[in-house]
Amino acid sequence: QVQLVESGGGLVQPGGSLRLSCVASGSMISIDDMGWYRQRPGKERELVAVKTRGGLTTYGLFVKGRFTISRDNAKNTVVLMVNSLNPEDTAVYSCNVRAGADLYWGQGTQVTVSS
Protein backbone atom coordinates (compact mmCIF):
# COMPACT_ATOMS: atom_id res chain seq x y z
CA GLN A 1 0.00 0.00 0.00
CA VAL A 2 1.02 3.56 -0.71
CA GLN A 3 -0.10 6.57 1.26
CA LEU A 4 -0.07 10.04 -0.22
CA VAL A 5 0.01 13.16 1.91
CA GLU A 6 -0.64 16.47 0.23
CA SER A 7 -0.09 19.98 1.49
CA GLY A 8 -0.05 23.53 0.27
CA GLY A 9 -3.57 24.37 -0.79
CA GLY A 10 -5.44 27.41 0.39
CA LEU A 11 -7.00 30.72 -0.52
CA VAL A 12 -5.08 32.96 -2.87
CA GLN A 13 -5.87 36.15 -4.75
CA PRO A 14 -6.00 36.23 -8.56
CA GLY A 15 -2.49 36.40 -9.94
CA GLY A 16 -1.08 34.68 -6.89
CA SER A 17 0.92 31.50 -6.48
CA LEU A 18 0.90 28.38 -4.39
CA ARG A 19 3.20 25.43 -3.86
CA LEU A 20 1.49 22.05 -3.66
CA SER A 21 3.49 19.14 -2.31
CA CYS A 22 2.80 15.41 -2.16
CA VAL A 23 4.84 12.80 -0.35
CA ALA A 24 4.39 9.09 -0.98
CA SER A 25 5.12 6.57 1.72
CA GLY A 26 4.48 2.92 2.49
CA SER A 27 5.53 -0.32 0.94
CA MET A 28 6.17 0.07 -2.73
CA ILE A 29 8.39 -1.49 -5.31
CA SER A 30 8.98 1.52 -7.46
CA ILE A 31 6.94 4.57 -8.34
CA ASP A 32 6.56 5.18 -12.03
CA ASP A 33 4.46 8.29 -12.60
CA MET A 34 3.74 11.05 -10.12
CA GLY A 35 1.37 13.84 -10.89
CA TRP A 36 -1.55 16.08 -10.09
CA TYR A 37 -5.15 16.17 -11.19
CA ARG A 38 -7.84 18.64 -10.32
CA GLN A 39 -11.59 18.72 -10.15
CA ARG A 40 -13.32 22.03 -10.49
CA PRO A 41 -16.86 22.53 -9.16
CA GLY A 42 -19.33 20.81 -11.45
CA LYS A 43 -16.59 19.58 -13.78
CA GLU A 44 -14.88 16.26 -14.39
CA ARG A 45 -11.44 15.56 -13.04
CA GLU A 46 -8.68 16.67 -15.38
CA LEU A 47 -4.95 16.21 -15.67
CA VAL A 48 -2.84 19.09 -14.40
CA ALA A 49 0.65 17.63 -14.79
CA VAL A 50 2.45 14.31 -14.57
CA LYS A 51 6.13 13.44 -14.52
CA THR A 52 7.52 9.99 -15.18
CA ARG A 53 10.34 8.48 -13.21
CA GLY A 54 12.62 9.26 -16.12
CA GLY A 55 11.61 12.89 -16.16
CA LEU A 56 9.17 13.10 -19.05
CA THR A 57 6.49 15.68 -18.30
CA THR A 58 2.98 16.22 -19.57
CA TYR A 59 0.82 19.23 -18.73
CA GLY A 60 -2.86 19.82 -19.20
CA LEU A 61 -3.64 22.15 -22.09
CA PHE A 62 -5.04 24.80 -19.77
CA VAL A 63 -1.73 25.17 -17.92
CA LYS A 64 -0.14 27.32 -20.64
CA GLY A 65 3.19 27.64 -18.87
CA ARG A 66 1.76 28.80 -15.56
CA PHE A 67 2.45 25.63 -13.56
CA THR A 68 5.64 23.67 -13.02
CA ILE A 69 5.91 20.10 -11.76
CA SER A 70 9.04 18.76 -10.15
CA ARG A 71 9.88 15.47 -8.57
CA ASP A 72 12.41 14.03 -6.18
CA ASN A 73 12.64 10.31 -6.80
CA ALA A 74 14.79 9.67 -3.74
CA LYS A 75 12.22 11.31 -1.47
CA ASN A 76 9.13 10.09 -3.36
CA THR A 77 7.95 13.67 -3.52
CA VAL A 78 6.22 15.62 -6.25
CA VAL A 79 5.75 19.38 -6.13
CA LEU A 80 3.47 21.53 -8.24
CA MET A 81 4.17 25.24 -8.41
CA VAL A 82 1.06 27.05 -9.55
CA ASN A 83 1.46 30.64 -10.68
CA SER A 84 -0.71 33.32 -12.25
CA LEU A 85 -3.77 31.76 -10.69
CA ASN A 86 -7.22 32.87 -11.76
CA PRO A 87 -10.66 32.05 -10.36
CA GLU A 88 -11.10 29.30 -12.96
CA ASP A 89 -8.25 27.44 -11.25
CA THR A 90 -10.37 26.98 -8.13
CA ALA A 91 -10.53 23.23 -7.60
CA VAL A 92 -9.58 20.30 -5.45
CA TYR A 93 -6.07 19.30 -6.50
CA SER A 94 -5.21 15.64 -5.95
CA CYS A 95 -1.90 13.86 -6.08
CA ASN A 96 -1.76 10.70 -8.17
CA VAL A 97 0.89 8.02 -8.19
CA ARG A 98 1.28 5.00 -10.44
CA ALA A 99 3.34 2.08 -9.26
CA GLY A 100 3.21 -0.65 -11.86
CA ALA A 101 -0.44 -1.43 -12.49
CA ASP A 102 -1.58 0.23 -9.26
CA LEU A 103 -2.90 3.76 -8.96
CA TYR A 104 -3.04 5.73 -5.74
CA TRP A 105 -4.76 9.00 -4.90
CA GLY A 106 -4.25 11.55 -2.21
CA GLN A 107 -7.14 13.01 -0.25
CA GLY A 108 -7.02 16.24 -2.22
CA THR A 109 -6.20 19.79 -1.26
CA GLN A 110 -8.49 22.73 -1.93
CA VAL A 111 -7.22 25.66 -3.93
CA THR A 112 -9.50 28.69 -3.98
CA VAL A 113 -8.68 31.72 -6.08
CA SER A 114 -10.70 34.73 -5.06
CA SER A 115 -10.30 38.38 -4.27
C-alpha atoms as a PDB file:
ATOM      1  CA  GLN A   1       0.000   0.000   0.000  1.00  0.00           C
ATOM      2  CA  VAL A   2       1.023   3.558  -0.713  1.00  0.00           C
ATOM      3  CA  GLN A   3      -0.096   6.570   1.258  1.00  0.00           C
ATOM      4  CA  LEU A   4      -0.066  10.038  -0.216  1.00  0.00           C
ATOM      5  CA  VAL A   5       0.006  13.165   1.908  1.00  0.00           C
ATOM      6  CA  GLU A   6      -0.644  16.470   0.226  1.00  0.00           C
ATOM      7  CA  SER A   7      -0.090  19.977   1.494  1.00  0.00           C
ATOM      8  CA  GLY A   8      -0.048  23.529   0.267  1.00  0.00           C
ATOM      9  CA  GLY A   9      -3.566  24.369  -0.793  1.00  0.00           C
ATOM     10  CA  GLY A  10      -5.439  27.411   0.392  1.00  0.00           C
ATOM     11  CA  LEU A  11      -6.996  30.724  -0.522  1.00  0.00           C
ATOM     12  CA  VAL A  12      -5.079  32.965  -2.875  1.00  0.00           C
ATOM     13  CA  GLN A  13      -5.875  36.152  -4.749  1.00  0.00           C
ATOM     14  CA  PRO A  14      -6.004  36.235  -8.556  1.00  0.00           C
ATOM     15  CA  GLY A  15      -2.489  36.397  -9.944  1.00  0.00           C
ATOM     16  CA  GLY A  16      -1.079  34.677  -6.894  1.00  0.00           C
ATOM     17  CA  SER A  17       0.921  31.503  -6.476  1.00  0.00           C
ATOM     18  CA  LEU A  18       0.903  28.376  -4.388  1.00  0.00           C
ATOM     19  CA  ARG A  19       3.200  25.435  -3.862  1.00  0.00           C
ATOM     20  CA  LEU A  20       1.492  22.047  -3.660  1.00  0.00           C
ATOM     21  CA  SER A  21       3.485  19.140  -2.310  1.00  0.00           C
ATOM     22  CA  CYS A  22       2.801  15.414  -2.159  1.00  0.00           C
ATOM     23  CA  VAL A  23       4.842  12.798  -0.349  1.00  0.00           C
ATOM     24  CA  ALA A  24       4.389   9.092  -0.984  1.00  0.00           C
ATOM     25  CA  SER A  25       5.124   6.566   1.718  1.00  0.00           C
ATOM     26  CA  GLY A  26       4.481   2.923   2.492  1.00  0.00           C
ATOM     27  CA  SER A  27       5.529  -0.322   0.942  1.00  0.00           C
ATOM     28  CA  MET A  28       6.167   0.075  -2.728  1.00  0.00           C
ATOM     29  CA  ILE A  29       8.388  -1.489  -5.308  1.00  0.00           C
ATOM     30  CA  SER A  30       8.978   1.519  -7.465  1.00  0.00           C
ATOM     31  CA  ILE A  31       6.941   4.566  -8.336  1.00  0.00           C
ATOM     32  CA  ASP A  32       6.557   5.177 -12.031  1.00  0.00           C
ATOM     33  CA  ASP A  33       4.464   8.291 -12.604  1.00  0.00           C
ATOM     34  CA  MET A  34       3.738  11.052 -10.124  1.00  0.00           C
ATOM     35  CA  GLY A  35       1.365  13.842 -10.890  1.00  0.00           C
ATOM     36  CA  TRP A  36      -1.554  16.084 -10.093  1.00  0.00           C
ATOM     37  CA  TYR A  37      -5.151  16.169 -11.194  1.00  0.00           C
ATOM     38  CA  ARG A  38      -7.844  18.641 -10.319  1.00  0.00           C
ATOM     39  CA  GLN A  39     -11.590  18.724 -10.149  1.00  0.00           C
ATOM     40  CA  ARG A  40     -13.322  22.034 -10.495  1.00  0.00           C
ATOM     41  CA  PRO A  41     -16.861  22.530  -9.160  1.00  0.00           C
ATOM     42  CA  GLY A  42     -19.326  20.813 -11.452  1.00  0.00           C
ATOM     43  CA  LYS A  43     -16.589  19.578 -13.780  1.00  0.00           C
ATOM     44  CA  GLU A  44     -14.884  16.260 -14.386  1.00  0.00           C
ATOM     45  CA  ARG A  45     -11.441  15.559 -13.039  1.00  0.00           C
ATOM     46  CA  GLU A  46      -8.681  16.666 -15.385  1.00  0.00           C
ATOM     47  CA  LEU A  47      -4.946  16.213 -15.672  1.00  0.00           C
ATOM     48  CA  VAL A  48      -2.842  19.087 -14.401  1.00  0.00           C
ATOM     49  CA  ALA A  49       0.649  17.632 -14.790  1.00  0.00           C
ATOM     50  CA  VAL A  50       2.448  14.314 -14.572  1.00  0.00           C
ATOM     51  CA  LYS A  51       6.132  13.435 -14.524  1.00  0.00           C
ATOM     52  CA  THR A  52       7.519   9.987 -15.182  1.00  0.00           C
ATOM     53  CA  ARG A  53      10.345   8.477 -13.210  1.00  0.00           C
ATOM     54  CA  GLY A  54      12.620   9.262 -16.122  1.00  0.00           C
ATOM     55  CA  GLY A  55      11.608  12.891 -16.161  1.00  0.00           C
ATOM     56  CA  LEU A  56       9.171  13.101 -19.048  1.00  0.00           C
ATOM     57  CA  THR A  57       6.491  15.684 -18.304  1.00  0.00           C
ATOM     58  CA  THR A  58       2.976  16.219 -19.568  1.00  0.00           C
ATOM     59  CA  TYR A  59       0.821  19.233 -18.730  1.00  0.00           C
ATOM     60  CA  GLY A  60      -2.859  19.816 -19.195  1.00  0.00           C
ATOM     61  CA  LEU A  61      -3.640  22.152 -22.088  1.00  0.00           C
ATOM     62  CA  PHE A  62      -5.041  24.799 -19.774  1.00  0.00           C
ATOM     63  CA  VAL A  63      -1.734  25.169 -17.918  1.00  0.00           C
ATOM     64  CA  LYS A  64      -0.145  27.316 -20.636  1.00  0.00           C
ATOM     65  CA  GLY A  65       3.192  27.638 -18.874  1.00  0.00           C
ATOM     66  CA  ARG A  66       1.761  28.796 -15.558  1.00  0.00           C
ATOM     67  CA  PHE A  67       2.445  25.630 -13.556  1.00  0.00           C
ATOM     68  CA  THR A  68       5.644  23.670 -13.019  1.00  0.00           C
ATOM     69  CA  ILE A  69       5.912  20.101 -11.765  1.00  0.00           C
ATOM     70  CA  SER A  70       9.037  18.759 -10.148  1.00  0.00           C
ATOM     71  CA  ARG A  71       9.878  15.466  -8.571  1.00  0.00           C
ATOM     72  CA  ASP A  72      12.410  14.032  -6.181  1.00  0.00           C
ATOM     73  CA  ASN A  73      12.637  10.308  -6.804  1.00  0.00           C
ATOM     74  CA  ALA A  74      14.793   9.666  -3.743  1.00  0.00           C
ATOM     75  CA  LYS A  75      12.216  11.306  -1.473  1.00  0.00           C
ATOM     76  CA  ASN A  76       9.131  10.086  -3.364  1.00  0.00           C
ATOM     77  CA  THR A  77       7.950  13.666  -3.523  1.00  0.00           C
ATOM     78  CA  VAL A  78       6.224  15.616  -6.249  1.00  0.00           C
ATOM     79  CA  VAL A  79       5.745  19.379  -6.135  1.00  0.00           C
ATOM     80  CA  LEU A  80       3.472  21.533  -8.236  1.00  0.00           C
ATOM     81  CA  MET A  81       4.172  25.244  -8.411  1.00  0.00           C
ATOM     82  CA  VAL A  82       1.056  27.048  -9.546  1.00  0.00           C
ATOM     83  CA  ASN A  83       1.457  30.641 -10.684  1.00  0.00           C
ATOM     84  CA  SER A  84      -0.714  33.321 -12.248  1.00  0.00           C
ATOM     85  CA  LEU A  85      -3.772  31.762 -10.692  1.00  0.00           C
ATOM     86  CA  ASN A  86      -7.220  32.874 -11.763  1.00  0.00           C
ATOM     87  CA  PRO A  87     -10.657  32.054 -10.358  1.00  0.00           C
ATOM     88  CA  GLU A  88     -11.101  29.300 -12.965  1.00  0.00           C
ATOM     89  CA  ASP A  89      -8.252  27.437 -11.249  1.00  0.00           C
ATOM     90  CA  THR A  90     -10.369  26.980  -8.130  1.00  0.00           C
ATOM     91  CA  ALA A  91     -10.528  23.234  -7.602  1.00  0.00           C
ATOM     92  CA  VAL A  92      -9.576  20.303  -5.446  1.00  0.00           C
ATOM     93  CA  TYR A  93      -6.071  19.296  -6.502  1.00  0.00           C
ATOM     94  CA  SER A  94      -5.211  15.639  -5.949  1.00  0.00           C
ATOM     95  CA  CYS A  95      -1.904  13.865  -6.082  1.00  0.00           C
ATOM     96  CA  ASN A  96      -1.759  10.700  -8.170  1.00  0.00           C
ATOM     97  CA  VAL A  97       0.892   8.021  -8.186  1.00  0.00           C
ATOM     98  CA  ARG A  98       1.283   5.004 -10.444  1.00  0.00           C
ATOM     99  CA  ALA A  99       3.344   2.081  -9.262  1.00  0.00           C
ATOM    100  CA  GLY A 100       3.207  -0.648 -11.861  1.00  0.00           C
ATOM    101  CA  ALA A 101      -0.444  -1.426 -12.491  1.00  0.00           C
ATOM    102  CA  ASP A 102      -1.579   0.229  -9.263  1.00  0.00           C
ATOM    103  CA  LEU A 103      -2.904   3.761  -8.960  1.00  0.00           C
ATOM    104  CA  TYR A 104      -3.043   5.732  -5.735  1.00  0.00           C
ATOM    105  CA  TRP A 105      -4.762   8.998  -4.904  1.00  0.00           C
ATOM    106  CA  GLY A 106      -4.252  11.553  -2.214  1.00  0.00           C
ATOM    107  CA  GLN A 107      -7.139  13.012  -0.249  1.00  0.00           C
ATOM    108  CA  GLY A 108      -7.017  16.239  -2.222  1.00  0.00           C
ATOM    109  CA  THR A 109      -6.198  19.791  -1.261  1.00  0.00           C
ATOM    110  CA  GLN A 110      -8.495  22.725  -1.934  1.00  0.00           C
ATOM    111  CA  VAL A 111      -7.216  25.658  -3.930  1.00  0.00           C
ATOM    112  CA  THR A 112      -9.504  28.692  -3.975  1.00  0.00           C
ATOM    113  CA  VAL A 113      -8.676  31.717  -6.077  1.00  0.00           C
ATOM    114  CA  SER A 114     -10.700  34.727  -5.055  1.00  0.00           C
ATOM    115  CA  SER A 115     -10.297  38.384  -4.265  1.00  0.00           C
END
